[in-house]
């Protein structure tokens, strides 16, 4: 970083610009990015001035802000946010909402045509991962995070179960 004269903020911006291709759902651009970056003479300049990636990032930032600013529902120490977004931003939204004390449940029914994403951040999500896997959902995570793909017609029931477990 220092050798190249790149600040931490610029490095962080470059990561966000590259990642915007994935979050926006442009698989081909994700694959092209590897070749384009490896062939660039001035990598930092190429990334920071890539108009397509900058537009993607602006779109993603707007969607994240919209999700963060929509009113959520509180049940005790649980914040529940619902969104309807075609971009892969659910983990970013949940991470920004989580205060490391309480639980955050984010539900996105706009990413998949027939399924909802359910994402939880909290102090102990291991029981939730087990519960989702027992229901045969695609699910995973770690101690503080659980993500699951849930059929739309089962989402409300699953979220209610999640709330009962973490309440």
N, C-alpha and C. Protein backbone atom coordinates (compact mmCIF):
# COMPACT_ATOMS: atom_id res chain seq x y z
N UNK A 1 0.83 -1.18 0.00
CA UNK A 1 0.00 0.00 0.00
C UNK A 1 0.88 1.25 0.00
N UNK A 2 1.78 1.34 0.98
CA UNK A 2 2.65 2.51 1.06
C UNK A 2 3.56 2.60 -0.15
N UNK A 3 4.08 1.45 -0.58
CA UNK A 3 4.97 1.40 -1.73
C UNK A 3 4.30 1.96 -2.98
N UNK A 4 3.02 1.70 -3.11
CA UNK A 4 2.25 2.15 -4.28
C UNK A 4 1.66 3.54 -4.08
N UNK A 5 1.79 4.10 -2.88
CA UNK A 5 1.24 5.42 -2.60
C UNK A 5 -0.28 5.42 -2.52
N UNK A 6 -0.85 4.31 -2.08
CA UNK A 6 -2.31 4.18 -1.98
C UNK A 6 -2.70 4.31 -0.51
N UNK A 7 -3.68 5.14 -0.24
CA UNK A 7 -4.16 5.29 1.14
C UNK A 7 -5.08 4.11 1.49
N UNK A 8 -5.30 3.94 2.78
CA UNK A 8 -6.22 2.90 3.23
C UNK A 8 -7.61 3.15 2.66
N UNK A 9 -8.03 4.41 2.64
CA UNK A 9 -9.36 4.76 2.12
C UNK A 9 -9.49 4.39 0.64
N UNK A 10 -8.43 4.66 -0.13
CA UNK A 10 -8.45 4.29 -1.56
C UNK A 10 -8.50 2.77 -1.72
N UNK A 11 -7.74 2.07 -0.90
CA UNK A 11 -7.74 0.60 -0.94
C UNK A 11 -9.14 0.07 -0.62
N UNK A 12 -9.75 0.64 0.39
CA UNK A 12 -11.11 0.24 0.78
C UNK A 12 -12.09 0.52 -0.36
N UNK A 13 -11.96 1.66 -1.00
CA UNK A 13 -12.81 2.03 -2.13
C UNK A 13 -12.62 1.05 -3.29
N UNK A 14 -11.37 0.66 -3.54
CA UNK A 14 -11.09 -0.30 -4.63
C UNK A 14 -11.77 -1.64 -4.36
N UNK A 15 -11.70 -2.10 -3.13
CA UNK A 15 -12.36 -3.36 -2.77
C UNK A 15 -13.86 -3.25 -3.01
N UNK A 16 -14.46 -2.14 -2.58
CA UNK A 16 -15.90 -1.94 -2.76
C UNK A 16 -16.28 -1.87 -4.24
N UNK A 17 -15.44 -1.23 -5.05
CA UNK A 17 -15.72 -1.14 -6.49
C UNK A 17 -15.68 -2.52 -7.14
N UNK A 18 -14.66 -3.29 -6.82
CA UNK A 18 -14.56 -4.64 -7.40
C UNK A 18 -15.73 -5.51 -6.92
N UNK A 19 -16.03 -5.44 -5.63
CA UNK A 19 -17.10 -6.24 -5.03
C UNK A 19 -18.48 -5.86 -5.56
N UNK A 20 -18.63 -4.64 -6.05
CA UNK A 20 -19.93 -4.20 -6.57
C UNK A 20 -20.41 -5.06 -7.72
N UNK A 21 -19.47 -5.62 -8.48
CA UNK A 21 -19.85 -6.51 -9.59
C UNK A 21 -20.57 -7.75 -9.07
N UNK A 22 -20.07 -8.31 -7.98
CA UNK A 22 -20.69 -9.49 -7.37
C UNK A 22 -22.05 -9.11 -6.76
N UNK A 23 -22.07 -8.02 -6.01
CA UNK A 23 -23.31 -7.63 -5.32
C UNK A 23 -24.41 -7.27 -6.31
N UNK A 24 -24.04 -6.72 -7.46
CA UNK A 24 -25.04 -6.34 -8.46
C UNK A 24 -25.51 -7.57 -9.24
N UNK A 25 -24.73 -8.66 -9.16
CA UNK A 25 -25.12 -9.91 -9.82
C UNK A 25 -24.58 -10.07 -11.23
N UNK A 26 -23.50 -9.36 -11.55
CA UNK A 26 -22.91 -9.42 -12.89
C UNK A 26 -21.75 -10.42 -12.89
N UNK A 27 -22.10 -11.70 -13.04
CA UNK A 27 -21.10 -12.78 -12.98
C UNK A 27 -20.02 -12.62 -14.03
N UNK A 28 -20.42 -12.21 -15.25
CA UNK A 28 -19.43 -12.05 -16.31
C UNK A 28 -18.42 -10.96 -15.97
N UNK A 29 -18.90 -9.87 -15.38
CA UNK A 29 -17.98 -8.78 -15.02
C UNK A 29 -17.06 -9.21 -13.88
N UNK A 30 -17.55 -10.04 -12.98
CA UNK A 30 -16.70 -10.58 -11.91
C UNK A 30 -15.55 -11.36 -12.55
N UNK A 31 -15.87 -12.19 -13.53
CA UNK A 31 -14.83 -12.99 -14.20
C UNK A 31 -13.90 -12.12 -15.03
N UNK A 32 -14.45 -11.13 -15.74
CA UNK A 32 -13.63 -10.22 -16.56
C UNK A 32 -12.71 -9.37 -15.69
N UNK A 33 -13.16 -9.03 -14.50
CA UNK A 33 -12.37 -8.16 -13.62
C UNK A 33 -10.99 -8.74 -13.35
N UNK A 34 -10.91 -10.04 -13.18
CA UNK A 34 -9.63 -10.68 -12.90
C UNK A 34 -8.65 -10.41 -14.04
N UNK A 35 -9.08 -10.65 -15.27
CA UNK A 35 -8.21 -10.44 -16.43
C UNK A 35 -7.88 -8.96 -16.60
N UNK A 36 -8.89 -8.10 -16.47
CA UNK A 36 -8.66 -6.66 -16.68
C UNK A 36 -7.68 -6.10 -15.65
N UNK A 37 -7.82 -6.50 -14.41
CA UNK A 37 -6.93 -6.00 -13.36
C UNK A 37 -5.52 -6.52 -13.59
N UNK A 38 -5.39 -7.79 -13.95
CA UNK A 38 -4.05 -8.36 -14.15
C UNK A 38 -3.34 -7.74 -15.35
N UNK A 39 -4.10 -7.20 -16.30
CA UNK A 39 -3.50 -6.59 -17.50
C UNK A 39 -3.29 -5.09 -17.37
N UNK A 40 -3.83 -4.47 -16.33
CA UNK A 40 -3.75 -3.01 -16.19
C UNK A 40 -2.34 -2.58 -15.82
N UNK A 41 -1.89 -1.48 -16.43
CA UNK A 41 -0.57 -0.92 -16.11
C UNK A 41 -0.60 -0.25 -14.74
N UNK A 42 -1.61 0.55 -14.50
CA UNK A 42 -1.79 1.23 -13.21
C UNK A 42 -3.07 0.69 -12.58
N UNK A 43 -2.91 -0.35 -11.78
CA UNK A 43 -4.06 -1.08 -11.25
C UNK A 43 -4.99 -0.17 -10.43
N UNK A 44 -4.40 0.61 -9.53
CA UNK A 44 -5.23 1.48 -8.68
C UNK A 44 -6.03 2.45 -9.53
N UNK A 45 -5.39 3.08 -10.49
CA UNK A 45 -6.07 4.03 -11.37
C UNK A 45 -7.16 3.34 -12.18
N UNK A 46 -6.87 2.15 -12.68
CA UNK A 46 -7.85 1.40 -13.46
C UNK A 46 -9.10 1.12 -12.63
N UNK A 47 -8.90 0.66 -11.41
CA UNK A 47 -10.04 0.31 -10.55
C UNK A 47 -10.81 1.56 -10.13
N UNK A 48 -10.09 2.56 -9.64
CA UNK A 48 -10.75 3.76 -9.12
C UNK A 48 -11.48 4.56 -10.19
N UNK A 49 -11.08 4.40 -11.44
CA UNK A 49 -11.71 5.17 -12.53
C UNK A 49 -12.57 4.32 -13.45
N UNK A 50 -12.90 3.11 -13.02
CA UNK A 50 -13.75 2.25 -13.84
C UNK A 50 -15.20 2.72 -13.68
N UNK A 51 -15.73 3.32 -14.74
CA UNK A 51 -17.08 3.92 -14.68
C UNK A 51 -18.18 2.89 -14.41
N UNK A 52 -18.06 1.73 -15.04
CA UNK A 52 -19.09 0.70 -14.84
C UNK A 52 -19.13 0.28 -13.37
N UNK A 53 -17.97 0.03 -12.79
CA UNK A 53 -17.91 -0.40 -11.40
C UNK A 53 -18.39 0.72 -10.47
N UNK A 54 -18.06 1.96 -10.82
CA UNK A 54 -18.48 3.10 -10.01
C UNK A 54 -20.01 3.22 -10.02
N UNK A 55 -20.62 3.03 -11.19
CA UNK A 55 -22.09 3.07 -11.29
C UNK A 55 -22.71 1.92 -10.49
N UNK A 56 -22.11 0.73 -10.60
CA UNK A 56 -22.58 -0.41 -9.81
C UNK A 56 -22.54 -0.09 -8.32
N UNK A 57 -21.42 0.47 -7.88
CA UNK A 57 -21.24 0.79 -6.46
C UNK A 57 -22.26 1.83 -6.01
N UNK A 58 -22.52 2.83 -6.84
CA UNK A 58 -23.53 3.85 -6.49
C UNK A 58 -24.90 3.20 -6.33
N UNK A 59 -25.24 2.31 -7.25
CA UNK A 59 -26.53 1.60 -7.17
C UNK A 59 -26.61 0.79 -5.88
N UNK A 60 -25.55 0.05 -5.59
CA UNK A 60 -25.49 -0.78 -4.38
C UNK A 60 -25.60 0.10 -3.13
N UNK A 61 -24.83 1.19 -3.10
CA UNK A 61 -24.87 2.09 -1.94
C UNK A 61 -26.27 2.66 -1.72
N UNK A 62 -26.96 3.01 -2.81
CA UNK A 62 -28.33 3.53 -2.69
C UNK A 62 -29.28 2.47 -2.14
N UNK A 63 -29.14 1.24 -2.62
CA UNK A 63 -30.00 0.15 -2.13
C UNK A 63 -29.74 -0.17 -0.67
N UNK A 64 -28.47 -0.14 -0.28
CA UNK A 64 -28.12 -0.38 1.13
C UNK A 64 -28.72 0.72 2.00
N UNK A 65 -28.56 1.97 1.58
CA UNK A 65 -29.12 3.09 2.34
C UNK A 65 -30.64 2.96 2.46
N UNK A 66 -31.28 2.58 1.36
CA UNK A 66 -32.74 2.40 1.38
C UNK A 66 -33.13 1.33 2.40
N UNK A 67 -32.41 0.21 2.40
CA UNK A 67 -32.71 -0.88 3.34
C UNK A 67 -32.46 -0.45 4.78
N UNK A 68 -31.38 0.28 5.01
CA UNK A 68 -31.06 0.73 6.36
C UNK A 68 -32.08 1.74 6.88
N UNK A 69 -32.61 2.56 5.98
CA UNK A 69 -33.52 3.63 6.38
C UNK A 69 -34.98 3.23 6.46
N UNK A 70 -35.33 2.05 5.94
CA UNK A 70 -36.72 1.62 6.06
C UNK A 70 -36.98 1.24 7.51
N UNK A 71 -38.20 1.48 7.91
CA UNK A 71 -38.55 1.21 9.30
C UNK A 71 -38.54 -0.29 9.57
N UNK A 72 -37.94 -0.65 10.67
CA UNK A 72 -37.93 -2.04 11.09
C UNK A 72 -38.94 -2.26 12.20
N UNK A 73 -39.02 -3.50 12.63
CA UNK A 73 -39.92 -3.86 13.72
C UNK A 73 -39.05 -4.36 14.87
N UNK A 74 -39.38 -3.98 16.09
CA UNK A 74 -38.63 -4.44 17.26
C UNK A 74 -39.49 -5.37 18.09
N UNK A 75 -38.88 -6.49 18.45
CA UNK A 75 -39.50 -7.41 19.40
C UNK A 75 -38.43 -7.66 20.47
N UNK A 76 -38.56 -6.98 21.59
CA UNK A 76 -37.55 -7.10 22.64
C UNK A 76 -36.20 -6.65 22.13
N UNK A 77 -35.22 -7.56 22.21
CA UNK A 77 -33.86 -7.22 21.77
C UNK A 77 -33.61 -7.60 20.31
N UNK A 78 -34.68 -7.77 19.54
CA UNK A 78 -34.56 -8.20 18.14
C UNK A 78 -35.05 -7.10 17.22
N UNK A 79 -34.21 -6.71 16.26
CA UNK A 79 -34.61 -5.78 15.21
C UNK A 79 -34.86 -6.61 13.96
N UNK A 80 -36.03 -6.43 13.35
CA UNK A 80 -36.40 -7.17 12.14
C UNK A 80 -36.56 -6.17 11.01
N UNK A 81 -35.84 -6.41 9.92
CA UNK A 81 -35.93 -5.56 8.73
C UNK A 81 -36.31 -6.42 7.55
N UNK A 82 -37.29 -5.95 6.79
CA UNK A 82 -37.68 -6.64 5.57
C UNK A 82 -37.27 -5.79 4.39
N UNK A 83 -36.80 -6.43 3.34
CA UNK A 83 -36.43 -5.72 2.13
C UNK A 83 -36.84 -6.54 0.92
N UNK A 84 -36.92 -5.87 -0.20
CA UNK A 84 -37.26 -6.54 -1.45
C UNK A 84 -36.27 -6.03 -2.49
N UNK A 85 -35.11 -6.67 -2.52
CA UNK A 85 -33.99 -6.16 -3.31
C UNK A 85 -33.42 -7.25 -4.21
N UNK A 86 -33.16 -6.89 -5.45
CA UNK A 86 -32.62 -7.87 -6.40
C UNK A 86 -31.10 -7.99 -6.31
N UNK A 87 -30.47 -7.23 -5.42
CA UNK A 87 -29.01 -7.27 -5.28
C UNK A 87 -28.61 -8.06 -4.04
N UNK A 88 -27.38 -8.57 -4.05
CA UNK A 88 -26.89 -9.40 -2.96
C UNK A 88 -26.25 -8.53 -1.87
N UNK A 89 -27.09 -7.86 -1.10
CA UNK A 89 -26.60 -6.92 -0.09
C UNK A 89 -27.05 -7.27 1.32
N UNK A 90 -27.71 -8.39 1.50
CA UNK A 90 -28.32 -8.71 2.80
C UNK A 90 -27.28 -8.78 3.92
N UNK A 91 -26.11 -9.36 3.65
CA UNK A 91 -25.11 -9.47 4.71
C UNK A 91 -24.57 -8.09 5.09
N UNK A 92 -24.40 -7.22 4.11
CA UNK A 92 -23.93 -5.86 4.38
C UNK A 92 -24.95 -5.11 5.23
N UNK A 93 -26.21 -5.22 4.88
CA UNK A 93 -27.28 -4.55 5.64
C UNK A 93 -27.29 -5.06 7.08
N UNK A 94 -27.26 -6.37 7.26
CA UNK A 94 -27.30 -6.94 8.62
C UNK A 94 -26.07 -6.53 9.43
N UNK A 95 -24.91 -6.54 8.79
CA UNK A 95 -23.67 -6.17 9.49
C UNK A 95 -23.74 -4.72 9.98
N UNK A 96 -24.27 -3.84 9.14
CA UNK A 96 -24.34 -2.42 9.54
C UNK A 96 -25.40 -2.17 10.62
N UNK A 97 -26.41 -2.99 10.67
CA UNK A 97 -27.47 -2.83 11.67
C UNK A 97 -27.10 -3.42 13.03
N UNK A 98 -26.24 -4.42 13.03
CA UNK A 98 -25.95 -5.16 14.26
C UNK A 98 -25.10 -4.32 15.21
N UNK A 99 -25.53 -4.21 16.45
CA UNK A 99 -24.81 -3.44 17.47
C UNK A 99 -23.93 -4.33 18.36
N UNK A 100 -23.80 -5.59 18.03
CA UNK A 100 -22.99 -6.58 18.75
C UNK A 100 -23.55 -6.93 20.13
N UNK A 101 -24.78 -6.48 20.42
CA UNK A 101 -25.43 -6.84 21.69
C UNK A 101 -26.76 -7.54 21.43
N UNK A 102 -27.54 -6.99 20.55
CA UNK A 102 -28.88 -7.50 20.27
C UNK A 102 -28.86 -8.35 19.01
N UNK A 103 -30.01 -8.83 18.61
CA UNK A 103 -30.13 -9.61 17.39
C UNK A 103 -30.72 -8.77 16.26
N UNK A 104 -30.28 -9.06 15.05
CA UNK A 104 -30.83 -8.44 13.84
C UNK A 104 -31.27 -9.57 12.91
N UNK A 105 -32.50 -9.48 12.43
CA UNK A 105 -33.02 -10.44 11.45
C UNK A 105 -33.37 -9.62 10.20
N UNK A 106 -32.75 -9.97 9.08
CA UNK A 106 -33.04 -9.29 7.81
C UNK A 106 -33.62 -10.32 6.86
N UNK A 107 -34.73 -9.96 6.25
CA UNK A 107 -35.42 -10.85 5.32
C UNK A 107 -35.48 -10.15 3.97
N UNK A 108 -34.98 -10.83 2.93
CA UNK A 108 -35.04 -10.28 1.57
C UNK A 108 -35.75 -11.28 0.67
N UNK A 109 -36.92 -10.89 0.19
CA UNK A 109 -37.69 -11.77 -0.70
C UNK A 109 -37.62 -11.30 -2.15
N UNK A 110 -36.64 -10.46 -2.48
CA UNK A 110 -36.52 -9.95 -3.84
C UNK A 110 -35.35 -10.49 -4.62
N UNK A 111 -34.49 -11.28 -3.99
CA UNK A 111 -33.27 -11.76 -4.67
C UNK A 111 -33.53 -13.01 -5.50
N UNK A 112 -34.27 -13.95 -4.95
CA UNK A 112 -34.61 -15.19 -5.66
C UNK A 112 -36.08 -15.15 -6.05
N UNK A 113 -36.44 -15.78 -7.18
CA UNK A 113 -37.85 -15.74 -7.59
C UNK A 113 -38.80 -16.49 -6.65
N UNK A 114 -38.35 -17.61 -6.08
CA UNK A 114 -39.25 -18.45 -5.27
C UNK A 114 -38.84 -18.57 -3.81
N UNK A 115 -37.74 -17.94 -3.45
CA UNK A 115 -37.20 -18.08 -2.10
C UNK A 115 -36.89 -16.72 -1.50
N UNK A 116 -36.78 -16.72 -0.18
CA UNK A 116 -36.34 -15.53 0.56
C UNK A 116 -34.98 -15.82 1.18
N UNK A 117 -34.19 -14.79 1.32
CA UNK A 117 -32.96 -14.87 2.09
C UNK A 117 -33.32 -14.45 3.52
N UNK A 118 -32.89 -15.23 4.49
CA UNK A 118 -33.06 -14.85 5.89
C UNK A 118 -31.67 -14.81 6.50
N UNK A 119 -31.32 -13.67 7.07
CA UNK A 119 -29.98 -13.46 7.57
C UNK A 119 -30.08 -12.94 9.00
N UNK A 120 -29.38 -13.58 9.92
CA UNK A 120 -29.44 -13.21 11.33
C UNK A 120 -28.03 -12.94 11.84
N UNK A 121 -27.90 -11.85 12.59
CA UNK A 121 -26.66 -11.57 13.33
C UNK A 121 -27.03 -11.44 14.79
N UNK A 122 -26.25 -12.10 15.63
CA UNK A 122 -26.51 -12.06 17.07
C UNK A 122 -25.45 -12.83 17.81
N UNK A 123 -25.61 -12.94 19.10
CA UNK A 123 -24.59 -13.56 19.94
C UNK A 123 -24.47 -15.06 19.78
N UNK A 124 -25.55 -15.74 19.43
CA UNK A 124 -25.47 -17.20 19.26
C UNK A 124 -26.45 -17.64 18.18
N UNK A 125 -25.92 -17.88 17.00
CA UNK A 125 -26.75 -18.29 15.86
C UNK A 125 -26.62 -19.77 15.53
N UNK A 126 -25.83 -20.50 16.29
CA UNK A 126 -25.58 -21.91 15.96
C UNK A 126 -26.87 -22.74 15.98
N UNK A 127 -27.75 -22.48 16.95
CA UNK A 127 -29.03 -23.21 17.01
C UNK A 127 -29.88 -22.92 15.77
N UNK A 128 -29.78 -21.69 15.29
CA UNK A 128 -30.57 -21.30 14.12
C UNK A 128 -30.09 -22.01 12.86
N UNK A 129 -28.77 -22.15 12.73
CA UNK A 129 -28.20 -22.86 11.58
C UNK A 129 -28.69 -24.31 11.60
N UNK A 130 -28.61 -24.93 12.77
CA UNK A 130 -29.06 -26.32 12.93
C UNK A 130 -30.54 -26.45 12.57
N UNK A 131 -31.33 -25.51 13.06
CA UNK A 131 -32.77 -25.51 12.80
C UNK A 131 -33.06 -25.40 11.30
N UNK A 132 -32.35 -24.52 10.61
CA UNK A 132 -32.55 -24.34 9.17
C UNK A 132 -32.14 -25.59 8.40
N UNK A 133 -31.01 -26.17 8.78
CA UNK A 133 -30.54 -27.38 8.10
C UNK A 133 -31.48 -28.56 8.34
N UNK A 134 -32.05 -28.65 9.53
CA UNK A 134 -33.02 -29.71 9.82
C UNK A 134 -34.26 -29.58 8.95
N UNK A 135 -34.57 -28.36 8.54
CA UNK A 135 -35.71 -28.13 7.64
C UNK A 135 -35.31 -28.32 6.17
N UNK A 136 -34.06 -28.72 5.95
CA UNK A 136 -33.53 -28.98 4.60
C UNK A 136 -33.34 -27.70 3.78
N UNK A 137 -33.17 -26.55 4.45
CA UNK A 137 -32.87 -25.31 3.75
C UNK A 137 -31.37 -25.26 3.47
N UNK A 138 -31.00 -24.54 2.44
CA UNK A 138 -29.59 -24.22 2.23
C UNK A 138 -29.27 -23.17 3.29
N UNK A 139 -28.34 -23.49 4.17
CA UNK A 139 -28.06 -22.58 5.29
C UNK A 139 -26.63 -22.76 5.76
N UNK A 140 -26.14 -21.75 6.43
CA UNK A 140 -24.80 -21.82 6.98
C UNK A 140 -24.54 -20.61 7.85
N UNK A 141 -23.29 -20.49 8.27
CA UNK A 141 -22.91 -19.36 9.08
C UNK A 141 -21.85 -19.74 10.09
N UNK A 142 -21.87 -19.03 11.19
CA UNK A 142 -20.93 -19.27 12.29
C UNK A 142 -21.60 -18.77 13.57
N UNK A 143 -20.86 -18.70 14.65
CA UNK A 143 -21.45 -18.36 15.94
C UNK A 143 -22.35 -17.12 15.90
N UNK A 144 -21.92 -16.06 15.23
CA UNK A 144 -22.66 -14.80 15.24
C UNK A 144 -23.49 -14.53 13.99
N UNK A 145 -23.53 -15.48 13.06
CA UNK A 145 -24.20 -15.24 11.77
C UNK A 145 -24.91 -16.50 11.29
N UNK A 146 -26.14 -16.32 10.80
CA UNK A 146 -26.85 -17.41 10.14
C UNK A 146 -27.48 -16.85 8.88
N UNK A 147 -27.26 -17.55 7.78
CA UNK A 147 -27.93 -17.21 6.53
C UNK A 147 -28.66 -18.44 6.03
N UNK A 148 -29.88 -18.25 5.53
CA UNK A 148 -30.65 -19.38 5.01
C UNK A 148 -31.47 -18.93 3.81
N UNK A 149 -31.66 -19.86 2.90
CA UNK A 149 -32.53 -19.65 1.75
C UNK A 149 -33.79 -20.45 2.02
N UNK A 150 -34.91 -19.73 2.12
CA UNK A 150 -36.17 -20.31 2.59
C UNK A 150 -37.25 -20.11 1.53
N UNK A 151 -38.01 -21.17 1.20
CA UNK A 151 -39.12 -20.97 0.26
C UNK A 151 -40.05 -19.85 0.75
N UNK A 152 -40.51 -19.03 -0.18
CA UNK A 152 -41.34 -17.87 0.19
C UNK A 152 -42.56 -18.28 1.01
N UNK A 153 -43.16 -19.42 0.67
CA UNK A 153 -44.37 -19.83 1.39
C UNK A 153 -44.07 -20.37 2.79
N UNK A 154 -42.80 -20.53 3.15
CA UNK A 154 -42.42 -20.99 4.49
C UNK A 154 -41.69 -19.91 5.29
N UNK A 155 -41.47 -18.77 4.69
CA UNK A 155 -40.61 -17.75 5.29
C UNK A 155 -41.18 -17.19 6.60
N UNK A 156 -42.44 -16.80 6.61
CA UNK A 156 -43.02 -16.24 7.84
C UNK A 156 -42.94 -17.21 9.00
N UNK A 157 -43.27 -18.46 8.74
CA UNK A 157 -43.22 -19.49 9.78
C UNK A 157 -41.79 -19.65 10.30
N UNK A 158 -40.82 -19.69 9.39
CA UNK A 158 -39.42 -19.86 9.79
C UNK A 158 -38.94 -18.65 10.60
N UNK A 159 -39.26 -17.46 10.14
CA UNK A 159 -38.84 -16.25 10.87
C UNK A 159 -39.46 -16.23 12.26
N UNK A 160 -40.72 -16.63 12.38
CA UNK A 160 -41.36 -16.71 13.71
C UNK A 160 -40.64 -17.70 14.61
N UNK A 161 -40.21 -18.82 14.04
CA UNK A 161 -39.45 -19.81 14.82
C UNK A 161 -38.12 -19.23 15.27
N UNK A 162 -37.45 -18.53 14.35
CA UNK A 162 -36.17 -17.88 14.67
C UNK A 162 -36.37 -16.92 15.84
N UNK A 163 -37.40 -16.11 15.77
CA UNK A 163 -37.67 -15.13 16.83
C UNK A 163 -37.93 -15.83 18.16
N UNK A 164 -38.69 -16.93 18.13
CA UNK A 164 -38.95 -17.67 19.37
C UNK A 164 -37.68 -18.25 19.97
N UNK A 165 -36.74 -18.67 19.14
CA UNK A 165 -35.49 -19.25 19.63
C UNK A 165 -34.59 -18.17 20.24
N UNK A 166 -34.51 -17.00 19.62
CA UNK A 166 -33.56 -15.98 20.09
C UNK A 166 -34.15 -15.00 21.09
N UNK A 167 -35.44 -15.05 21.28
CA UNK A 167 -36.12 -14.12 22.20
C UNK A 167 -35.62 -14.26 23.61
